[in-house]
Amino acid sequence: MKKYIFALALALPLFAQERLIHVYKSPSCGCCGLWESYMEKNGYKISSHASEDFIKIKEKLNIKAKYQSCHTGVIDGYAIEGHVPSSAVD
């Protein structure tokens, strides 16, 4: 029994990891903040990066112009463009 409790204690941090999204956005857009708030309410931690050069991250991630939105979320190596529901990110 002690072995199982020890194994569970080691595994719990894996389940409790933060779900951190880096959000690159325009400083003049209001909807980006609304999406950040929505994602926080759904269990995500947000690292917000407002800059006039937010397009550069899209270029770096090879997001084609036709798919670009006012903000880009990056989580675990994936790019999320626009108002993607938390259920889809999960």
C-alpha atoms as a PDB file:
ATOM      1  CA  MET A   1       0.000   0.000   0.000  1.00  0.00           C
ATOM      2  CA  LYS A   2       2.831   2.411   0.809  1.00  0.00           C
ATOM      3  CA  LYS A   3       4.238   1.875  -2.681  1.00  0.00           C
ATOM      4  CA  TYR A   4       0.939   2.931  -4.255  1.00  0.00           C
ATOM      5  CA  ILE A   5       0.669   6.056  -2.111  1.00  0.00           C
ATOM      6  CA  PHE A   6       4.260   6.981  -2.958  1.00  0.00           C
ATOM      7  CA  ALA A   7       3.644   6.441  -6.680  1.00  0.00           C
ATOM      8  CA  LEU A   8       0.491   8.559  -6.499  1.00  0.00           C
ATOM      9  CA  ALA A   9       2.377  11.328  -4.693  1.00  0.00           C
ATOM     10  CA  LEU A  10       4.942  11.344  -7.497  1.00  0.00           C
ATOM     11  CA  ALA A  11       2.290  11.401 -10.212  1.00  0.00           C
ATOM     12  CA  LEU A  12       0.085  14.183  -8.785  1.00  0.00           C
ATOM     13  CA  PRO A  13       2.339  17.043  -9.931  1.00  0.00           C
ATOM     14  CA  LEU A  14       1.935  15.790 -13.495  1.00  0.00           C
ATOM     15  CA  PHE A  15      -1.814  16.338 -13.275  1.00  0.00           C
ATOM     16  CA  ALA A  16      -1.520  19.674 -11.480  1.00  0.00           C
ATOM     17  CA  GLN A  17       0.734  21.341 -14.035  1.00  0.00           C
ATOM     18  CA  GLU A  18      -0.223  24.841 -15.023  1.00  0.00           C
ATOM     19  CA  ARG A  19      -1.765  25.276 -18.388  1.00  0.00           C
ATOM     20  CA  LEU A  20       0.086  28.404 -19.454  1.00  0.00           C
ATOM     21  CA  ILE A  21      -0.812  30.251 -22.633  1.00  0.00           C
ATOM     22  CA  HIS A  22       1.415  33.019 -23.961  1.00  0.00           C
ATOM     23  CA  VAL A  23      -0.853  35.511 -25.713  1.00  0.00           C
ATOM     24  CA  TYR A  24       0.657  37.875 -28.290  1.00  0.00           C
ATOM     25  CA  LYS A  25      -1.739  40.673 -29.119  1.00  0.00           C
ATOM     26  CA  SER A  26      -2.291  44.187 -30.346  1.00  0.00           C
ATOM     27  CA  PRO A  27      -2.263  46.729 -27.504  1.00  0.00           C
ATOM     28  CA  SER A  28      -5.280  48.507 -29.041  1.00  0.00           C
ATOM     29  CA  CYS A  29      -7.628  45.514 -29.322  1.00  0.00           C
ATOM     30  CA  GLY A  30     -10.251  44.939 -26.642  1.00  0.00           C
ATOM     31  CA  CYS A  31     -11.431  41.468 -27.636  1.00  0.00           C
ATOM     32  CA  CYS A  32      -8.028  39.936 -26.867  1.00  0.00           C
ATOM     33  CA  GLY A  33      -8.439  40.739 -23.175  1.00  0.00           C
ATOM     34  CA  LEU A  34     -11.906  39.213 -23.214  1.00  0.00           C
ATOM     35  CA  TRP A  35     -10.511  35.950 -24.617  1.00  0.00           C
ATOM     36  CA  GLU A  36      -7.731  35.982 -21.993  1.00  0.00           C
ATOM     37  CA  SER A  37     -10.333  36.404 -19.227  1.00  0.00           C
ATOM     38  CA  TYR A  38     -12.436  33.608 -20.694  1.00  0.00           C
ATOM     39  CA  MET A  39      -9.427  31.257 -20.794  1.00  0.00           C
ATOM     40  CA  GLU A  40      -8.474  32.153 -17.207  1.00  0.00           C
ATOM     41  CA  LYS A  41     -12.019  31.326 -16.061  1.00  0.00           C
ATOM     42  CA  ASN A  42     -11.549  27.952 -17.744  1.00  0.00           C
ATOM     43  CA  GLY A  43      -8.372  27.070 -15.858  1.00  0.00           C
ATOM     44  CA  TYR A  44      -5.595  28.568 -17.952  1.00  0.00           C
ATOM     45  CA  LYS A  45      -2.870  30.907 -16.776  1.00  0.00           C
ATOM     46  CA  ILE A  46      -2.177  33.767 -19.181  1.00  0.00           C
ATOM     47  CA  SER A  47       1.124  35.428 -19.964  1.00  0.00           C
ATOM     48  CA  SER A  48       0.078  38.481 -21.961  1.00  0.00           C
ATOM     49  CA  HIS A  49       2.417  40.198 -24.446  1.00  0.00           C
ATOM     50  CA  ALA A  50       0.951  43.381 -25.959  1.00  0.00           C
ATOM     51  CA  SER A  51       3.093  44.910 -28.686  1.00  0.00           C
ATOM     52  CA  GLU A  52       2.754  46.776 -31.957  1.00  0.00           C
ATOM     53  CA  ASP A  53       5.072  44.074 -33.360  1.00  0.00           C
ATOM     54  CA  PHE A  54       2.729  41.182 -32.510  1.00  0.00           C
ATOM     55  CA  ILE A  55       2.657  40.215 -36.211  1.00  0.00           C
ATOM     56  CA  LYS A  56       6.282  39.054 -35.895  1.00  0.00           C
ATOM     57  CA  ILE A  57       5.275  36.095 -33.707  1.00  0.00           C
ATOM     58  CA  LYS A  58       2.786  35.038 -36.394  1.00  0.00           C
ATOM     59  CA  GLU A  59       5.539  35.158 -39.005  1.00  0.00           C
ATOM     60  CA  LYS A  60       7.883  33.213 -36.718  1.00  0.00           C
ATOM     61  CA  LEU A  61       5.197  30.542 -36.252  1.00  0.00           C
ATOM     62  CA  ASN A  62       4.502  30.442 -40.019  1.00  0.00           C
ATOM     63  CA  ILE A  63       0.853  31.367 -39.612  1.00  0.00           C
ATOM     64  CA  LYS A  64      -0.426  32.272 -43.064  1.00  0.00           C
ATOM     65  CA  ALA A  65      -1.984  35.726 -43.430  1.00  0.00           C
ATOM     66  CA  LYS A  66      -5.435  34.290 -44.202  1.00  0.00           C
ATOM     67  CA  TYR A  67      -5.470  32.575 -40.768  1.00  0.00           C
ATOM     68  CA  GLN A  68      -4.141  35.505 -38.722  1.00  0.00           C
ATOM     69  CA  SER A  69      -6.273  37.139 -36.072  1.00  0.00           C
ATOM     70  CA  CYS A  70      -5.705  39.991 -33.622  1.00  0.00           C
ATOM     71  CA  HIS A  71      -4.056  37.649 -31.123  1.00  0.00           C
ATOM     72  CA  THR A  72      -2.097  34.417 -31.056  1.00  0.00           C
ATOM     73  CA  GLY A  73      -1.962  32.042 -28.125  1.00  0.00           C
ATOM     74  CA  VAL A  74       0.960  29.665 -27.776  1.00  0.00           C
ATOM     75  CA  ILE A  75       0.716  26.616 -25.525  1.00  0.00           C
ATOM     76  CA  ASP A  76       2.868  23.485 -25.467  1.00  0.00           C
ATOM     77  CA  GLY A  77       4.265  24.210 -28.930  1.00  0.00           C
ATOM     78  CA  TYR A  78       0.844  24.830 -30.493  1.00  0.00           C
ATOM     79  CA  ALA A  79      -0.385  28.139 -31.889  1.00  0.00           C
ATOM     80  CA  ILE A  80      -3.979  29.173 -31.296  1.00  0.00           C
ATOM     81  CA  GLU A  81      -5.219  31.925 -33.569  1.00  0.00           C
ATOM     82  CA  GLY A  82      -8.255  33.939 -32.517  1.00  0.00           C
ATOM     83  CA  HIS A  83     -11.135  33.062 -30.219  1.00  0.00           C
ATOM     84  CA  VAL A  84     -10.701  29.317 -29.929  1.00  0.00           C
ATOM     85  CA  PRO A  85     -12.921  27.759 -27.220  1.00  0.00           C
ATOM     86  CA  SER A  86     -11.177  26.325 -24.174  1.00  0.00           C
ATOM     87  CA  SER A  87     -12.713  22.911 -24.945  1.00  0.00           C
ATOM     88  CA  ALA A  88     -10.816  22.835 -28.261  1.00  0.00           C
ATOM     89  CA  VAL A  89      -7.557  23.837 -26.538  1.00  0.00           C
ATOM     90  CA  ASP A  90      -8.075  21.101 -23.925  1.00  0.00           C
END
